[in-house]
C-alpha atoms as a PDB file:
ATOM      1  CA  MET A   1     -19.789   7.129   5.586  1.00  0.00           C
ATOM      2  CA  LYS A   2     -16.250   6.686   4.192  1.00  0.00           C
ATOM      3  CA  ARG A   3     -15.140   8.463   0.941  1.00  0.00           C
ATOM      4  CA  CYS A   4     -13.409   6.782  -1.769  1.00  0.00           C
ATOM      5  CA  PRO A   5      -9.787   8.298  -1.664  1.00  0.00           C
ATOM      6  CA  VAL A   6      -9.385   8.535  -5.642  1.00  0.00           C
ATOM      7  CA  CYS A   7     -12.838  10.105  -6.790  1.00  0.00           C
ATOM      8  CA  GLY A   8     -14.404  11.073  -3.337  1.00  0.00           C
ATOM      9  CA  GLU A   9     -17.707   8.783  -3.768  1.00  0.00           C
ATOM     10  CA  ALA A  10     -19.229   6.855  -0.941  1.00  0.00           C
ATOM     11  CA  VAL A  11     -17.953   3.800  -0.113  1.00  0.00           C
ATOM     12  CA  ALA A  12     -19.686   0.522   0.966  1.00  0.00           C
ATOM     13  CA  PRO A  13     -18.558  -1.091   4.207  1.00  0.00           C
ATOM     14  CA  ARG A  14     -15.679  -3.733   3.947  1.00  0.00           C
ATOM     15  CA  SER A  15     -18.161  -6.584   4.626  1.00  0.00           C
ATOM     16  CA  ALA A  16     -19.849  -5.764   1.349  1.00  0.00           C
ATOM     17  CA  ASN A  17     -17.077  -4.152  -0.758  1.00  0.00           C
ATOM     18  CA  PRO A  18     -14.071  -6.488  -2.107  1.00  0.00           C
ATOM     19  CA  VAL A  19     -12.360  -3.266  -3.421  1.00  0.00           C
ATOM     20  CA  PHE A  20     -12.810  -1.544   0.142  1.00  0.00           C
ATOM     21  CA  PRO A  21     -11.535   1.534   0.650  1.00  0.00           C
ATOM     22  CA  PHE A  22     -12.100   2.308  -2.573  1.00  0.00           C
ATOM     23  CA  CYS A  23     -15.573   2.486  -3.953  1.00  0.00           C
ATOM     24  CA  LYS A  24     -14.960   0.591  -7.606  1.00  0.00           C
ATOM     25  CA  PRO A  25     -12.073  -1.369  -8.835  1.00  0.00           C
ATOM     26  CA  ARG A  26     -11.094   1.504 -11.358  1.00  0.00           C
ATOM     27  CA  CYS A  27     -10.309   3.548  -8.574  1.00  0.00           C
ATOM     28  CA  LYS A  28      -8.134   0.776  -7.008  1.00  0.00           C
ATOM     29  CA  GLN A  29      -6.002   0.327 -10.135  1.00  0.00           C
ATOM     30  CA  ILE A  30      -5.714   4.440 -10.324  1.00  0.00           C
ATOM     31  CA  ASP A  31      -4.173   4.315  -6.894  1.00  0.00           C
ATOM     32  CA  LEU A  32      -2.276   1.573  -7.401  1.00  0.00           C
ATOM     33  CA  GLY A  33      -0.796   3.060 -11.038  1.00  0.00           C
ATOM     34  CA  GLN A  34       0.032   6.118  -8.453  1.00  0.00           C
ATOM     35  CA  TRP A  35       2.118   4.316  -6.288  1.00  0.00           C
ATOM     36  CA  LEU A  36       3.747   2.413  -9.156  1.00  0.00           C
ATOM     37  CA  GLY A  37       4.221   5.489 -11.048  1.00  0.00           C
ATOM     38  CA  GLY A  38       6.250   7.239  -8.345  1.00  0.00           C
ATOM     39  CA  GLU A  39       3.159   9.826  -7.155  1.00  0.00           C
ATOM     40  CA  TYR A  40       3.147   8.571  -3.635  1.00  0.00           C
ATOM     41  CA  VAL A  41       6.017   7.991  -1.421  1.00  0.00           C
ATOM     42  CA  ILE A  42       6.781   6.781   1.944  1.00  0.00           C
ATOM     43  CA  SER A  43       9.153   9.718   3.756  1.00  0.00           C
ATOM     44  CA  GLN A  44      10.365   7.743   6.088  1.00  0.00           C
ATOM     45  CA  SER A  45      11.486   4.343   7.296  1.00  0.00           C
ATOM     46  CA  LEU A  46       8.817   2.492   9.069  1.00  0.00           C
ATOM     47  CA  LEU A  47      11.077   0.426  10.916  1.00  0.00           C
ATOM     48  CA  PRO A  48      13.127   1.320  14.235  1.00  0.00           C
ATOM     49  CA  ALA A  49      16.868   1.979  13.252  1.00  0.00           C
ATOM     50  CA  SER A  50      17.937  -0.778  15.362  1.00  0.00           C
ATOM     51  CA  VAL A  51      16.031  -3.571  12.755  1.00  0.00           C
ATOM     52  CA  GLY A  52      18.877  -2.884  10.308  1.00  0.00           C
ATOM     53  CA  PHE A  53      19.423  -4.518   7.191  1.00  0.00           C
ATOM     54  CA  GLY A  54      22.096  -5.115   4.609  1.00  0.00           C
ATOM     55  CA  GLY A  55      23.993  -7.398   6.987  1.00  0.00           C
ATOM     56  CA  PRO A  56      25.016 -11.171   6.168  1.00  0.00           C
ATOM     57  CA  ARG A  57      21.946 -13.190   5.093  1.00  0.00           C
ATOM     58  CA  HIS A  58      21.858 -16.743   7.437  1.00  0.00           C
ATOM     59  CA  ASP A  59      19.064 -18.265   5.055  1.00  0.00           C
ATOM     60  CA  ARG A  60      21.920 -19.737   2.839  1.00  0.00           C
ATOM     61  CA  GLU A  61      25.035 -21.958   2.745  1.00  0.00           C
ATOM     62  CA  THR A  62      27.944 -19.913   1.541  1.00  0.00           C
ATOM     63  CA  ASP A  63      31.378 -21.024   0.257  1.00  0.00           C
END
């Protein structure tokens, strides 16, 4: 059985657990707080370099 990444308790299957992969809503909130507090980070880009952002926007008109 899968374990909760926050507290280590057993986790019910996704079909029976609305807060999967956590064991309870409290653990889900703790995890969110850790992301928002900067305790978790993504160490490298998840996009290939060729995707590039920062260019001109084409979804609005310019003067």
